[in-house]
Protein backbone atom coordinates (compact mmCIF):
# COMPACT_ATOMS: atom_id res chain seq x y z
CA MET A 1 69.87 36.11 107.51
CA ARG A 2 71.81 35.55 104.34
CA LEU A 3 71.13 37.33 101.07
CA THR A 4 71.71 35.35 97.86
CA LEU A 5 72.14 36.86 94.42
CA LEU A 6 68.98 38.31 92.95
CA LEU A 7 67.72 38.40 89.37
CA LEU A 8 68.09 41.92 88.04
CA ALA A 9 67.16 43.37 84.67
CA LEU A 10 70.59 44.54 83.59
CA PRO A 11 71.93 44.77 80.03
CA LEU A 12 73.77 41.67 78.90
CA LEU A 13 76.68 43.59 77.46
CA GLY A 14 77.99 47.10 77.40
CA CYS A 15 78.48 47.60 81.16
CA PRO A 16 80.51 50.71 82.08
CA THR A 17 84.12 50.26 81.04
CA ASP A 18 85.55 53.77 81.40
CA ASP A 19 87.92 53.17 84.28
CA ASP A 20 87.90 56.81 85.25
CA ASP A 21 84.17 57.41 85.03
CA ASP A 22 82.60 57.02 88.46
CA SER A 23 79.15 57.90 87.13
CA GLY A 24 76.27 55.46 87.24
CA ASP A 25 73.49 54.63 89.64
CA ASP A 26 74.32 52.14 92.33
CA ASP A 27 72.10 49.13 92.63
CA ASP A 28 70.10 49.83 95.78
CA SER A 29 68.32 46.49 95.65
CA ALA A 30 71.65 44.79 96.34
CA ALA A 31 72.89 47.58 98.62
CA ASN A 32 70.61 46.31 101.36
CA ASP A 33 72.44 42.97 101.55
CA ASP A 34 74.32 44.09 104.65
CA ASP A 35 71.29 45.61 106.37
CA ALA A 36 69.61 42.21 106.27
CA ALA A 37 72.71 40.21 107.16
CA ASP A 38 73.01 38.91 110.69
CA ASP A 39 76.58 38.95 111.96
CA ASP A 40 75.73 36.22 114.44
CA ASP A 41 74.56 33.87 111.70
CA ALA A 42 77.77 31.99 111.03
CA ALA A 43 78.38 30.32 107.69
CA PRO A 44 77.77 26.56 107.77
CA PRO A 45 80.74 24.18 107.91
CA GLY A 46 82.35 23.67 104.53
CA SER A 47 81.70 27.23 103.35
CA VAL A 48 84.45 29.27 101.70
CA ILE A 49 84.61 32.96 102.63
CA PHE A 50 86.79 35.42 100.73
CA SER A 51 87.09 39.13 99.94
CA ALA A 52 87.30 40.92 96.60
CA MET A 53 88.25 44.47 95.64
CA GLY A 54 89.16 46.35 92.49
CA ASP A 55 89.84 49.76 90.97
CA VAL A 56 91.94 50.94 93.90
CA PRO A 57 94.01 52.93 94.75
CA TYR A 58 93.43 55.70 92.22
CA SER A 59 94.88 58.59 94.23
CA ILE A 60 96.56 59.55 97.49
CA THR A 61 93.11 59.48 99.07
CA GLY A 62 92.60 56.00 97.65
CA VAL A 63 95.86 54.88 99.25
CA GLU A 64 94.68 56.20 102.61
CA VAL A 65 91.31 54.47 102.24
CA LEU A 66 92.87 51.16 101.22
CA THR A 67 95.36 51.36 104.08
CA GLU A 68 92.47 51.68 106.52
CA GLN A 69 90.60 48.86 104.80
CA VAL A 70 93.60 46.56 105.16
CA GLN A 71 93.64 47.28 108.89
CA GLN A 72 89.87 46.71 109.19
CA HIS A 73 90.10 43.51 107.18
CA ASN A 74 92.85 42.15 109.44
CA ALA A 75 90.83 43.02 112.53
CA SER A 76 87.39 41.82 111.47
CA SER A 77 87.22 39.72 108.31
CA PRO A 78 86.60 35.94 108.41
CA SER A 79 87.88 35.63 104.84
CA SER A 80 90.45 32.93 104.12
CA PHE A 81 91.89 34.87 101.18
CA ALA A 82 91.48 38.10 99.21
CA VAL A 83 91.66 38.96 95.53
CA HIS A 84 92.37 42.28 93.83
CA LEU A 85 90.51 42.32 90.52
CA GLY A 86 92.75 44.82 88.76
CA ASP A 87 93.37 48.56 88.24
CA ILE A 88 95.81 49.78 90.88
CA LYS A 89 95.91 53.29 89.38
CA SER A 90 93.69 55.64 87.45
CA GLY A 91 93.75 55.79 83.67
CA PHE A 92 95.54 59.16 83.85
CA GLY A 93 99.22 59.69 84.46
CA PRO A 94 102.32 57.62 83.73
CA CYS A 95 102.73 53.98 84.75
CA LEU A 96 105.60 54.51 87.19
CA GLU A 97 107.35 51.63 88.90
CA SER A 98 106.74 53.31 92.26
CA ILE A 99 102.98 52.79 91.83
CA TYR A 100 103.40 49.02 91.50
CA SER A 101 105.87 48.73 94.36
CA SER A 102 103.90 50.91 96.80
CA THR A 103 100.62 49.12 96.07
CA ALA A 104 102.29 45.74 96.48
CA ASN A 105 103.72 46.82 99.84
CA LEU A 106 100.32 48.05 100.98
CA LEU A 107 98.55 44.79 100.04
CA LEU A 108 101.29 42.73 101.65
CA GLY A 109 99.91 44.11 104.90
CA LEU A 110 96.88 41.82 104.60
CA ASP A 111 96.96 38.85 106.94
CA VAL A 112 95.43 36.46 104.38
CA PRO A 113 96.85 35.25 101.04
CA THR A 114 96.02 37.80 98.36
CA PHE A 115 95.71 37.13 94.64
CA MET A 116 96.33 39.79 91.99
CA LEU A 117 94.79 40.20 88.55
CA PRO A 118 96.03 42.71 85.99
CA GLY A 119 93.85 45.65 85.04
CA ASP A 120 93.95 47.75 81.91
CA ASN A 121 95.06 50.94 83.70
CA GLU A 122 98.36 49.41 84.81
CA TRP A 123 99.02 47.47 81.63
CA ASN A 124 97.51 47.69 78.15
CA ASP A 125 96.37 51.32 78.50
CA CYS A 126 99.84 52.49 79.54
CA ALA A 127 101.94 54.44 77.05
CA ASP A 128 104.40 51.52 77.02
CA PRO A 129 102.45 48.30 77.75
CA ALA A 130 105.57 46.14 77.54
CA ALA A 131 107.39 48.12 80.23
CA ALA A 132 104.25 48.20 82.37
CA TRP A 133 103.92 44.44 82.14
CA VAL A 134 107.49 44.00 83.38
CA PHE A 135 106.54 46.02 86.48
CA TRP A 136 103.34 44.03 86.97
CA GLU A 137 105.12 40.69 86.80
CA GLN A 138 107.93 41.90 89.08
CA TYR A 139 105.62 43.06 91.87
CA PHE A 140 102.45 40.97 91.42
CA GLY A 141 103.44 37.75 89.67
CA GLU A 142 102.40 34.78 91.89
CA PHE A 143 101.65 37.39 94.55
CA GLU A 144 99.82 34.89 96.77
CA GLN A 145 103.09 33.04 97.39
CA ASN A 146 104.13 35.83 99.77
CA TRP A 147 101.90 34.15 102.37
CA ALA A 148 102.82 30.80 103.94
CA ALA A 149 99.12 29.95 104.17
CA ALA A 150 98.55 30.25 100.40
CA PRO A 151 96.60 27.30 98.96
CA PRO A 152 98.30 24.97 96.46
CA VAL A 153 97.85 27.06 93.31
CA GLU A 154 98.39 25.99 89.72
CA HIS A 155 99.51 28.55 87.13
CA GLN A 156 98.97 28.23 83.38
CA ASP A 157 102.16 27.40 81.51
CA VAL A 158 101.58 29.87 78.69
CA ARG A 159 100.14 32.62 80.92
CA ASN A 160 101.66 32.42 84.37
CA GLU A 161 99.33 35.15 85.66
CA ASN A 162 96.36 32.80 85.13
CA PHE A 163 95.84 30.63 88.20
CA ALA A 164 93.50 28.03 89.68
CA TRP A 165 92.98 25.93 92.79
CA VAL A 166 90.27 23.94 94.55
CA GLN A 167 89.24 24.75 98.10
CA ASP A 168 86.50 22.92 100.02
CA GLY A 169 84.78 21.76 96.87
CA VAL A 170 84.96 25.12 95.06
CA LEU A 171 87.06 25.72 91.95
CA PHE A 172 88.65 29.18 91.75
CA VAL A 173 90.05 30.40 88.42
CA GLY A 174 91.88 33.70 87.79
CA LEU A 175 92.27 35.19 84.31
CA ASN A 176 94.13 38.00 82.58
CA LEU A 177 90.90 39.40 81.15
CA VAL A 178 91.17 43.19 81.03
CA GLY A 179 89.05 46.00 79.68
CA GLY A 180 90.36 49.16 78.09
CA ALA A 181 92.13 49.57 74.79
CA VAL A 182 93.16 46.77 72.45
CA HIS A 183 96.81 47.74 72.34
CA ASP A 184 97.77 44.77 70.11
CA PRO A 185 95.00 42.89 68.24
CA ASN A 186 97.11 39.74 67.82
CA GLU A 187 98.06 39.64 71.49
CA TRP A 188 94.45 40.36 72.49
CA GLU A 189 93.00 37.48 70.48
CA LEU A 190 95.75 35.05 71.51
CA ARG A 191 95.30 35.86 75.21
CA LEU A 192 91.52 35.51 75.07
CA GLY A 193 91.93 32.10 73.46
CA GLN A 194 94.44 31.05 76.11
CA ASN A 195 92.03 32.22 78.81
CA ALA A 196 89.32 30.03 77.30
CA ASP A 197 91.76 27.09 77.15
CA TRP A 198 92.52 27.56 80.86
CA VAL A 199 88.87 27.62 81.91
CA ASP A 200 88.08 24.60 79.72
CA ALA A 201 90.98 22.64 81.22
CA GLN A 202 90.07 23.49 84.81
CA LEU A 203 86.38 22.67 84.43
CA ALA A 204 87.25 19.38 82.74
CA GLU A 205 89.81 18.41 85.38
CA HIS A 206 87.81 19.34 88.47
CA GLY A 207 84.19 19.32 87.32
CA ASP A 208 83.29 16.02 88.95
CA ALA A 209 84.93 16.93 92.27
CA VAL A 210 83.49 20.41 92.93
CA HIS A 211 80.02 21.82 93.56
CA ALA A 212 80.65 25.39 92.33
CA ALA A 213 83.19 27.57 90.56
CA VAL A 214 84.30 31.21 90.81
CA VAL A 215 86.05 32.86 87.85
CA PHE A 216 87.95 36.10 88.47
CA GLY A 217 88.63 38.69 85.77
CA HIS A 218 89.03 42.44 85.55
CA ALA A 219 86.80 43.22 82.58
CA SER A 220 83.13 43.89 82.37
CA PRO A 221 82.53 41.81 79.22
CA THR A 222 81.97 43.63 75.94
CA PRO A 223 81.95 42.47 72.30
CA THR A 224 85.76 42.90 72.28
CA HIS A 225 85.92 39.85 74.57
CA SER A 226 83.89 37.62 72.25
CA VAL A 227 86.82 35.26 71.50
CA PHE A 228 86.72 34.29 75.17
CA MET A 229 83.04 34.68 75.97
CA ASP A 230 81.88 32.62 72.96
CA ARG A 231 83.68 29.66 74.52
CA PHE A 232 83.11 30.53 78.16
CA HIS A 233 79.32 30.45 78.03
CA PRO A 234 78.95 26.94 76.53
CA ALA A 235 81.66 25.66 78.88
CA VAL A 236 79.70 26.99 81.87
CA GLU A 237 76.49 25.49 80.54
CA ALA A 238 78.15 22.10 80.11
CA PHE A 239 79.65 22.33 83.62
CA GLY A 240 76.10 22.44 84.93
CA LYS A 241 76.94 23.70 88.42
CA PRO A 242 76.78 27.25 89.81
CA VAL A 243 79.47 29.57 88.43
CA LEU A 244 80.18 33.13 89.56
CA TYR A 245 82.05 35.51 87.25
CA LEU A 246 83.44 38.22 89.55
CA HIS A 247 85.06 41.34 88.10
CA ALA A 248 85.86 45.04 88.56
CA ASP A 249 86.16 47.65 85.77
CA GLY A 250 82.82 49.49 86.00
CA HIS A 251 83.22 51.07 89.45
CA VAL A 252 79.63 50.48 90.63
CA PHE A 253 78.14 47.35 92.10
CA GLU A 254 76.15 45.20 89.69
CA GLU A 255 74.83 41.68 89.87
CA GLN A 256 73.13 39.71 87.13
CA ASN A 257 71.56 36.30 87.57
CA PRO A 258 71.25 34.52 85.28
CA TYR A 259 73.93 35.83 82.94
CA PHE A 260 73.24 34.09 79.61
CA GLU A 261 73.31 30.62 81.20
CA ASP A 262 70.93 29.62 84.00
CA ASN A 263 73.86 28.56 86.20
CA LEU A 264 76.02 31.66 85.61
CA TRP A 265 76.08 34.74 87.86
CA ARG A 266 77.92 37.99 87.09
CA VAL A 267 78.96 40.40 89.85
CA GLN A 268 80.88 43.66 89.48
CA VAL A 269 82.45 45.08 92.65
CA ASP A 270 82.27 48.68 93.78
CA GLU A 271 85.26 50.94 93.24
CA GLY A 272 87.55 50.08 96.13
CA GLY A 273 88.38 53.69 96.88
CA VAL A 274 84.79 54.38 97.96
CA ALA A 275 83.67 51.02 99.33
CA VAL A 276 85.11 48.26 101.48
CA PRO A 277 86.01 44.92 99.90
CA LEU A 278 83.07 42.73 98.97
CA GLN A 279 82.78 39.61 101.12
CA ILE A 280 81.62 36.47 99.31
CA THR A 281 80.59 33.24 100.97
CA VAL A 282 80.30 30.11 98.85
CA LEU A 283 77.96 27.77 100.66
CA PRO A 284 78.69 24.03 100.60
CA GLU A 285 75.48 23.24 98.73
CA GLY A 286 72.46 24.78 97.02
CA VAL A 287 71.50 26.04 93.58
CA ALA A 288 72.37 29.63 94.62
CA PRO A 289 75.40 29.20 96.86
CA PHE A 290 76.91 32.69 96.53
CA VAL A 291 76.21 35.05 99.44
CA LEU A 292 77.31 38.70 99.16
CA GLU A 293 78.04 41.20 101.92
CA ARG A 294 78.93 44.69 100.75
CA GLU A 295 79.59 46.10 104.23
CA PRO A 296 81.08 43.18 106.14
CA PHE A 297 83.01 45.41 108.56
């Protein structure tokens, strides 16, 4: 049996944003998704299945865990693609080039196209954000193009790390939406506005041709993201079809439905160093098309 997203009484804002704080109670009501899932109950034709992870690897142990997860994913996952939602290192320690290169090499071991989003730990929270961004672009820019099976992806002209594509009637949109410190207020506000422009453009272009949308970001939204969120919410409401905002940042699984708008879901993935990637199925129809499996293999 499939488990759809449930309505939970979670705070609207102020979700955990300390990237190195693993405290917080897990949401046991959603933790039973996998117990109820039937592996023999195949997704209906036209479904899109993908995997999402974030906040990994934070340590040598995290590298070992992620290495094993890559092997398990290749052996067992039905996902057509994967997405890393940001934070490839802890908030402590220098942002060394070797961290970016080694993580890229590890994720290149996945058999399916893998999309990368920036996190605050490997960018704006670094001692030198500009140098860190050079490393991120070098190793993770258009990362999905390392796979021949990558879908036809469009990248935003002004922010190449923002991407979008349509697959089986579902619009997927990736954003450079990080948590952490505001290292440059002007850059922060400009980027949030460009993110909103990208979402607006994609919803307008594909709204009539899709039945759902998934938006990827790193950040658990806070008031510091208001420049984006103040435009995102009315855009989702006007879209009128189910939208999932999927992010990392807080380290513990959370789901909120509805999230401001009746058609908007918010899901935060577990820290990848302690949990396997989340498997999401987008069903071809229905008012609640997003099916979550927290222990798919």
